[in-house]
């Protein structure tokens, strides 16, 4: 049976209130971690699937709602609690946060079915536990912040039910207005860049606004990743809880350190500046192309998170945009490379294979030490930032 579990997370006692930037950061961390969770083992080793989730953060902490497929109410509560405890333990940002509660909210139909079964079993008399459950469920429905018809936030490829336009929440409508306003700042491209036919200008404008919003999100997350790597003197392959760097080609994770992250920040800033300019110039190096890719992926997440467009629905809009903004997509080959050997003297065959892959990438200008080299045919008349040398 599917259950909706509501859990509360609270910051350490020495944090009185979370400011807006901290709230946004908490959402990003939880979303990144929960998006990787597919299931959890129950108390009797049965598999409990985590179907979808929703995150809400305020000044006093966070509320996380998980949809789980569990054999019983208690199993659902325990599974959700275990998932969130693991996330708190694994996250350097949230390691001192606490789980305050993990409770099930079920639908009225499910409650009535359980109630009828309990009455039949007890000859029409409710036990003390059933009466307590009834009171708790009624209270949950009175205080629920999310109506049952409201859809869930899901990650790429999620299975959330579609929302009908008539049931759009005030929050979603506010996002619609905000993204339409932000779309005006994408001056380097017309709306037709997202929709060549011009048949869906409203959604094309939403995509443009989401792209501008994504720039701010990715920039903040890059600053977070840079700080995490600096403090721990680590690279991405040995760090936990990074927000952006894990979306880059995995074959070079051992090279993503703090200095690399600062370099990527500079490249992403250059791309963002050109997006708001009057004349677009395609990415001048691999790093700029990857930065644009990060913006596009985050924009699609924003549209899905605000329930304005599903991941699949946004695909054609951003495919159209990417084809015009970055015609040379050779960098996509990097995501098909599983690993590149650094020093495998104990396994010479793998080392030779890694060297062959590295050489092939180098001939295509995709080797890691070529990522910040400006393309010769850029023709912009601008130089390279000294930090990227």
Protein backbone atom coordinates (compact mmCIF):
# COMPACT_ATOMS: atom_id res chain seq x y z
CA UNK A 1 0.00 0.00 0.00
CA UNK A 2 1.16 3.54 -0.70
CA UNK A 3 1.60 5.79 2.33
CA UNK A 4 2.42 9.47 2.68
CA UNK A 5 4.92 10.04 5.46
CA UNK A 6 5.51 13.53 6.83
CA UNK A 7 8.81 14.05 8.64
CA UNK A 8 10.21 17.08 10.40
CA UNK A 9 13.86 18.13 10.36
CA UNK A 10 15.21 20.79 12.67
CA UNK A 11 18.55 22.65 12.71
CA UNK A 12 20.90 22.73 15.72
CA UNK A 13 19.72 24.72 18.73
CA UNK A 14 22.39 27.37 18.16
CA UNK A 15 20.69 28.37 14.90
CA UNK A 16 17.74 30.57 15.77
CA UNK A 17 16.32 31.16 12.29
CA UNK A 18 17.31 30.16 8.76
CA UNK A 19 17.70 33.10 6.40
CA UNK A 20 16.39 32.80 2.79
CA UNK A 21 19.79 31.78 1.39
CA UNK A 22 20.19 29.07 4.04
CA UNK A 23 16.68 27.82 3.28
CA UNK A 24 17.50 27.57 -0.42
CA UNK A 25 20.67 25.67 0.42
CA UNK A 26 18.81 23.17 2.61
CA UNK A 27 16.32 22.53 -0.21
CA UNK A 28 19.17 21.93 -2.65
CA UNK A 29 20.97 19.50 -0.32
CA UNK A 30 17.83 17.50 0.52
CA UNK A 31 16.65 17.44 -3.08
CA UNK A 32 20.03 16.21 -4.29
CA UNK A 33 20.16 13.43 -1.70
CA UNK A 34 16.53 12.32 -1.93
CA UNK A 35 16.72 12.24 -5.72
CA UNK A 36 19.22 9.39 -5.40
CA UNK A 37 17.03 7.27 -3.09
CA UNK A 38 14.99 4.51 -4.73
CA UNK A 39 14.17 2.30 -1.80
CA UNK A 40 15.07 1.03 1.65
CA UNK A 41 15.00 -2.33 3.42
CA UNK A 42 12.15 -2.83 5.87
CA UNK A 43 12.32 -4.42 9.36
CA UNK A 44 11.85 -7.90 7.87
CA UNK A 45 14.25 -7.27 4.97
CA UNK A 46 11.38 -6.55 2.58
CA UNK A 47 11.96 -3.88 -0.05
CA UNK A 48 10.16 -0.59 0.54
CA UNK A 49 10.06 1.71 -2.50
CA UNK A 50 10.38 5.47 -2.12
CA UNK A 51 8.09 6.72 -4.90
CA UNK A 52 8.17 10.50 -4.67
CA UNK A 53 8.93 13.34 -2.30
CA UNK A 54 8.24 16.97 -1.49
CA UNK A 55 10.44 19.37 0.46
CA UNK A 56 9.35 22.51 2.28
CA UNK A 57 11.79 24.69 4.22
CA UNK A 58 11.06 27.63 6.49
CA UNK A 59 12.93 29.70 9.06
CA UNK A 60 12.51 26.99 11.73
CA UNK A 61 13.48 23.92 9.72
CA UNK A 62 12.22 21.58 7.02
CA UNK A 63 9.25 19.33 6.39
CA UNK A 64 9.79 16.39 4.05
CA UNK A 65 6.90 14.37 2.65
CA UNK A 66 7.72 10.94 1.24
CA UNK A 67 5.43 8.65 -0.73
CA UNK A 68 6.43 5.07 0.04
CA UNK A 69 5.10 1.66 -0.95
CA UNK A 70 5.20 -0.31 2.30
CA UNK A 71 3.45 -3.39 3.75
CA UNK A 72 2.22 -1.51 6.82
CA UNK A 73 1.86 1.92 8.37
CA UNK A 74 4.64 1.37 10.90
CA UNK A 75 6.97 0.03 8.21
CA UNK A 76 6.34 3.16 6.15
CA UNK A 77 7.15 5.44 9.09
CA UNK A 78 10.29 3.53 10.00
CA UNK A 79 11.49 3.43 6.39
CA UNK A 80 11.06 7.19 5.94
CA UNK A 81 12.81 7.86 9.24
CA UNK A 82 15.74 5.63 8.27
CA UNK A 83 16.11 7.34 4.88
CA UNK A 84 16.24 10.79 6.44
CA UNK A 85 18.58 9.73 9.26
CA UNK A 86 21.02 8.36 6.69
CA UNK A 87 20.86 11.62 4.74
CA UNK A 88 21.60 13.64 7.90
CA UNK A 89 24.53 11.38 8.76
CA UNK A 90 26.01 11.53 5.26
CA UNK A 91 25.63 15.28 4.81
CA UNK A 92 28.29 17.57 6.20
CA UNK A 93 25.84 20.46 5.97
CA UNK A 94 23.02 18.73 7.88
CA UNK A 95 25.02 16.45 10.19
CA UNK A 96 23.88 18.30 13.34
CA UNK A 97 20.22 18.47 12.31
CA UNK A 98 17.70 16.21 14.03
CA UNK A 99 14.66 14.21 12.90
CA UNK A 100 11.76 15.35 15.08
CA UNK A 101 8.99 13.07 13.82
CA UNK A 102 7.99 10.65 11.05
CA UNK A 103 4.25 10.18 10.71
CA UNK A 104 1.93 8.67 8.10
CA UNK A 105 -0.85 10.59 6.43
CA UNK A 106 -3.18 8.32 4.52
CA UNK A 107 -6.16 9.12 2.31
CA UNK A 108 -9.69 9.18 3.64
CA UNK A 109 -10.58 6.07 1.62
CA UNK A 110 -7.68 4.13 3.09
CA UNK A 111 -8.59 5.30 6.57
CA UNK A 112 -12.24 4.28 6.15
CA UNK A 113 -11.21 0.86 4.86
CA UNK A 114 -8.91 0.34 7.86
CA UNK A 115 -11.59 1.61 10.22
CA UNK A 116 -14.25 -0.71 8.78
CA UNK A 117 -11.91 -3.68 9.06
CA UNK A 118 -11.09 -2.81 12.66
CA UNK A 119 -14.78 -2.49 13.58
CA UNK A 120 -15.61 -5.81 11.93
CA UNK A 121 -12.76 -7.51 13.76
CA UNK A 122 -13.78 -6.08 17.14
CA UNK A 123 -17.54 -6.48 16.75
CA UNK A 124 -18.18 -2.81 16.15
CA UNK A 125 -16.18 -1.53 19.11
CA UNK A 126 -13.08 0.55 18.41
CA UNK A 127 -10.02 -0.15 20.46
CA UNK A 128 -8.06 2.60 22.17
CA UNK A 129 -5.35 2.46 19.49
CA UNK A 130 -7.93 2.77 16.69
CA UNK A 131 -9.56 5.76 18.39
CA UNK A 132 -6.17 7.41 18.71
CA UNK A 133 -5.44 6.69 15.05
CA UNK A 134 -8.80 8.15 14.04
CA UNK A 135 -8.12 11.34 15.98
CA UNK A 136 -4.65 11.65 14.50
CA UNK A 137 -5.89 11.11 10.94
CA UNK A 138 -8.70 13.63 11.31
CA UNK A 139 -6.23 16.14 12.73
CA UNK A 140 -3.83 15.45 9.86
CA UNK A 141 -6.53 16.16 7.27
CA UNK A 142 -7.50 19.38 9.03
CA UNK A 143 -3.94 20.66 9.17
CA UNK A 144 -2.56 19.19 5.95
CA UNK A 145 -0.74 21.76 3.87
CA UNK A 146 -1.04 19.69 0.67
CA UNK A 147 -4.40 18.57 -0.75
CA UNK A 148 -4.53 15.02 -2.03
CA UNK A 149 -4.98 16.24 -5.62
CA UNK A 150 -1.70 18.14 -5.55
CA UNK A 151 1.12 16.47 -7.41
CA UNK A 152 4.51 15.59 -5.96
CA UNK A 153 7.92 16.93 -6.67
CA UNK A 154 9.99 14.33 -8.48
CA UNK A 155 13.45 14.18 -10.02
CA UNK A 156 14.28 13.37 -13.66
CA UNK A 157 12.27 10.41 -14.87
CA UNK A 158 9.94 10.48 -11.83
CA UNK A 159 6.45 8.99 -11.79
CA UNK A 160 4.39 11.75 -10.25
CA UNK A 161 0.78 12.02 -11.36
CA UNK A 162 0.01 14.94 -13.66
CA UNK A 163 -1.68 18.01 -12.23
CA UNK A 164 -4.74 19.39 -13.97
CA UNK A 165 -4.54 23.13 -14.77
CA UNK A 166 -7.63 23.83 -12.69
CA UNK A 167 -5.92 22.54 -9.52
CA UNK A 168 -2.79 24.68 -9.84
CA UNK A 169 -1.64 25.86 -6.42
CA UNK A 170 -0.98 29.52 -5.55
CA UNK A 171 2.70 28.66 -5.19
CA UNK A 172 2.83 27.29 -8.72
CA UNK A 173 1.05 30.35 -10.06
CA UNK A 174 3.55 32.60 -8.29
CA UNK A 175 6.38 30.70 -9.94
CA UNK A 176 4.68 31.05 -13.32
CA UNK A 177 4.58 34.83 -12.90
CA UNK A 178 8.15 35.00 -11.65
CA UNK A 179 9.58 32.91 -14.50
CA UNK A 180 7.71 34.95 -17.08
CA UNK A 181 9.28 38.07 -15.60
CA UNK A 182 12.75 36.50 -15.59
CA UNK A 183 12.38 35.44 -19.23
CA UNK A 184 12.80 39.08 -20.26
CA UNK A 185 16.40 38.98 -19.00
CA UNK A 186 17.36 36.30 -21.53
CA UNK A 187 18.11 38.85 -24.23
CA UNK A 188 20.56 36.79 -26.28
CA UNK A 189 17.78 34.57 -27.67
CA UNK A 190 14.21 35.04 -28.83
CA UNK A 191 11.45 32.81 -27.49
CA UNK A 192 11.59 30.85 -30.75
CA UNK A 193 14.95 29.44 -29.64
CA UNK A 194 12.93 27.16 -27.37
CA UNK A 195 10.02 26.64 -29.76
CA UNK A 196 10.87 27.04 -33.44
CA UNK A 197 7.26 26.61 -34.51
CA UNK A 198 6.15 29.46 -32.26
CA UNK A 199 3.08 27.44 -31.31
CA UNK A 200 3.68 27.45 -27.56
CA UNK A 201 5.06 30.85 -26.65
CA UNK A 202 3.85 30.60 -23.04
CA UNK A 203 5.91 27.50 -22.31
CA UNK A 204 8.85 28.84 -24.27
CA UNK A 205 8.87 31.90 -22.01
CA UNK A 206 8.70 29.66 -18.94
CA UNK A 207 11.74 27.76 -20.21
CA UNK A 208 13.63 31.02 -20.75
CA UNK A 209 12.79 32.27 -17.26
CA UNK A 210 13.75 28.95 -15.71
CA UNK A 211 17.14 29.16 -17.43
CA UNK A 212 17.81 32.58 -15.89
CA UNK A 213 16.71 31.34 -12.46
CA UNK A 214 18.94 28.28 -12.87
CA UNK A 215 21.99 30.52 -13.24
CA UNK A 216 21.55 31.77 -9.67
CA UNK A 217 20.97 28.27 -8.29
CA UNK A 218 24.00 26.72 -10.02
CA UNK A 219 26.21 29.65 -9.00
CA UNK A 220 25.25 29.27 -5.34
CA UNK A 221 25.80 25.52 -5.50
CA UNK A 222 29.22 25.90 -7.10
CA UNK A 223 30.24 28.20 -4.24
CA UNK A 224 29.03 25.54 -1.80
CA UNK A 225 30.97 22.77 -3.56
CA UNK A 226 34.12 24.89 -3.68
CA UNK A 227 33.91 25.54 0.06
CA UNK A 228 33.30 21.86 0.84
CA UNK A 229 36.33 20.79 -1.20
CA UNK A 230 38.53 23.54 0.27
CA UNK A 231 37.64 22.71 3.88
CA UNK A 232 38.19 18.98 3.37
CA UNK A 233 41.13 19.32 0.96
CA UNK A 234 39.35 16.80 -1.25
CA UNK A 235 38.34 16.04 -4.80
CA UNK A 236 34.87 15.11 -6.01
CA UNK A 237 35.57 11.38 -6.03
CA UNK A 238 36.22 11.45 -2.29
CA UNK A 239 33.61 13.99 -1.19
CA UNK A 240 30.02 13.44 -0.06
CA UNK A 241 27.04 15.71 -0.57
CA UNK A 242 28.32 17.86 -3.46
CA UNK A 243 25.58 19.68 -5.33
CA UNK A 244 26.96 20.36 -8.81
CA UNK A 245 30.25 18.61 -9.47
CA UNK A 246 28.63 15.18 -9.43
CA UNK A 247 26.74 16.21 -12.58
CA UNK A 248 29.99 16.58 -14.52
CA UNK A 249 31.63 13.71 -16.48
CA UNK A 250 32.42 11.00 -13.90
CA UNK A 251 35.62 9.93 -15.65
CA UNK A 252 37.48 12.98 -14.34
CA UNK A 253 36.03 13.21 -10.82
CA UNK A 254 39.50 12.72 -9.35
CA UNK A 255 40.46 16.10 -10.92
CA UNK A 256 37.55 18.15 -9.59
CA UNK A 257 39.18 20.00 -6.70
CA UNK A 258 38.62 23.46 -5.22
CA UNK A 259 40.74 25.25 -7.80
CA UNK A 260 38.91 23.52 -10.65
CA UNK A 261 35.59 24.57 -9.11
CA UNK A 262 36.72 28.19 -8.96
CA UNK A 263 37.75 27.97 -12.61
CA UNK A 264 34.37 26.51 -13.54
CA UNK A 265 32.70 29.37 -11.66
CA UNK A 266 34.53 31.87 -13.84
CA UNK A 267 33.47 30.06 -16.99
CA UNK A 268 29.86 29.80 -15.84
CA UNK A 269 29.86 33.54 -15.08
CA UNK A 270 31.05 34.26 -18.62
CA UNK A 271 28.28 32.11 -20.11
CA UNK A 272 25.64 33.69 -17.87
CA UNK A 273 26.76 37.18 -18.83
CA UNK A 274 26.44 36.38 -22.53
CA UNK A 275 22.95 34.93 -21.98
CA UNK A 276 21.76 38.32 -20.75
CA UNK A 277 23.62 40.24 -23.46
CA UNK A 278 22.30 41.25 -26.84
CA UNK A 279 24.54 38.98 -28.90
CA UNK A 280 25.14 35.32 -28.16
CA UNK A 281 28.48 33.67 -28.56
CA UNK A 282 28.58 29.86 -28.31
CA UNK A 283 30.74 28.28 -25.59
CA UNK A 284 34.42 28.97 -26.26
CA UNK A 285 35.76 25.90 -24.45
CA UNK A 286 34.66 22.60 -22.96
CA UNK A 287 34.21 24.12 -19.48
CA UNK A 288 31.83 26.77 -20.81
CA UNK A 289 29.83 24.10 -22.66
CA UNK A 290 29.56 22.07 -19.44
CA UNK A 291 28.49 25.19 -17.52
CA UNK A 292 25.69 25.79 -20.02
CA UNK A 293 24.67 22.16 -19.65
CA UNK A 294 24.44 22.63 -15.87
CA UNK A 295 22.20 25.67 -16.37
CA UNK A 296 19.91 23.74 -18.72
CA UNK A 297 19.58 20.72 -16.41
CA UNK A 298 18.84 22.92 -13.41
CA UNK A 299 16.23 24.87 -15.42
CA UNK A 300 14.42 21.61 -16.17
CA UNK A 301 14.55 20.68 -12.48
CA UNK A 302 13.08 24.08 -11.58
CA UNK A 303 10.18 23.64 -13.99
CA UNK A 304 9.41 20.20 -12.62
CA UNK A 305 9.85 21.22 -8.99
CA UNK A 306 7.40 24.12 -9.43
CA UNK A 307 5.00 21.78 -11.26
CA UNK A 308 4.93 23.96 -14.35
CA UNK A 309 6.41 21.39 -16.73
CA UNK A 310 7.45 17.78 -16.27
CA UNK A 311 10.95 16.58 -17.10
CA UNK A 312 9.72 14.93 -20.31
CA UNK A 313 7.63 17.94 -21.30
CA UNK A 314 10.58 20.32 -21.01
CA UNK A 315 12.90 18.13 -23.12
CA UNK A 316 11.91 19.41 -26.60
CA UNK A 317 12.15 23.05 -25.51
CA UNK A 318 15.67 22.71 -24.16
CA UNK A 319 16.78 20.38 -26.97
CA UNK A 320 15.83 23.14 -29.38
CA UNK A 321 17.62 25.76 -27.30
CA UNK A 322 20.78 23.65 -26.86
CA UNK A 323 21.01 23.01 -30.60
CA UNK A 324 21.19 26.76 -31.20
CA UNK A 325 23.19 27.81 -28.15
CA UNK A 326 25.83 25.08 -28.41
CA UNK A 327 25.90 23.50 -31.87
CA UNK A 328 29.13 21.66 -31.06
CA UNK A 329 28.08 19.04 -28.53
CA UNK A 330 31.23 16.93 -28.76
CA UNK A 331 31.60 17.29 -24.99
CA UNK A 332 28.67 14.86 -24.54
CA UNK A 333 31.14 12.08 -25.39
CA UNK A 334 32.74 12.65 -21.98
CA UNK A 335 29.65 11.30 -20.23
CA UNK A 336 30.00 7.98 -22.04
CA UNK A 337 33.53 7.44 -20.71
CA UNK A 338 33.35 5.36 -17.54
CA UNK A 339 36.83 5.91 -16.12
CA UNK A 340 40.33 7.04 -16.97
CA UNK A 341 43.22 5.35 -15.18
CA UNK A 342 45.47 7.69 -13.20
CA UNK A 343 48.11 5.33 -11.90
CA UNK A 344 47.35 1.65 -12.25
CA UNK A 345 50.77 0.01 -12.07
CA UNK A 346 49.11 -2.96 -10.38
CA UNK A 347 46.84 -3.45 -13.40
CA UNK A 348 48.84 -2.59 -16.52
CA UNK A 349 46.12 -3.68 -18.94
CA UNK A 350 43.63 -1.23 -17.42
CA UNK A 351 46.30 1.47 -17.43
CA UNK A 352 46.91 0.95 -21.14
CA UNK A 353 43.16 1.10 -21.80
CA UNK A 354 42.88 4.32 -19.82
CA UNK A 355 45.78 5.87 -21.71
CA UNK A 356 44.15 4.97 -25.02
CA UNK A 357 40.91 6.62 -23.97
CA UNK A 358 42.79 9.69 -22.77
CA UNK A 359 44.61 9.94 -26.10
CA UNK A 360 41.37 9.66 -28.04
CA UNK A 361 39.84 12.47 -25.98
CA UNK A 362 42.94 14.58 -26.46
CA UNK A 363 42.74 14.33 -30.22
CA UNK A 364 39.19 15.68 -29.97
CA UNK A 365 40.16 18.47 -27.57
CA UNK A 366 38.25 16.86 -24.69
CA UNK A 367 41.08 15.82 -22.35
CA UNK A 368 40.77 17.38 -18.91
CA UNK A 369 43.76 19.72 -19.29
CA UNK A 370 42.12 21.09 -22.46
CA UNK A 371 38.80 22.04 -20.88
CA UNK A 372 39.70 25.69 -20.34
CA UNK A 373 41.53 26.21 -23.64
CA UNK A 374 39.62 28.70 -25.73
CA UNK A 375 38.63 27.43 -29.16
CA UNK A 376 40.66 29.01 -31.95
CA UNK A 377 37.59 29.77 -34.02
CA UNK A 378 35.83 31.65 -31.22
CA UNK A 379 36.50 34.94 -33.01
CA UNK A 380 35.31 37.05 -30.13
CA UNK A 381 38.36 39.25 -29.73
CA UNK A 382 38.33 38.54 -25.99
CA UNK A 383 41.14 36.87 -24.11
CA UNK A 384 41.28 34.17 -21.48
CA UNK A 385 40.95 34.98 -17.80
CA UNK A 386 44.42 34.77 -16.22
CA UNK A 387 43.16 32.38 -13.53
CA UNK A 388 42.36 29.80 -16.20
CA UNK A 389 45.86 29.64 -17.61
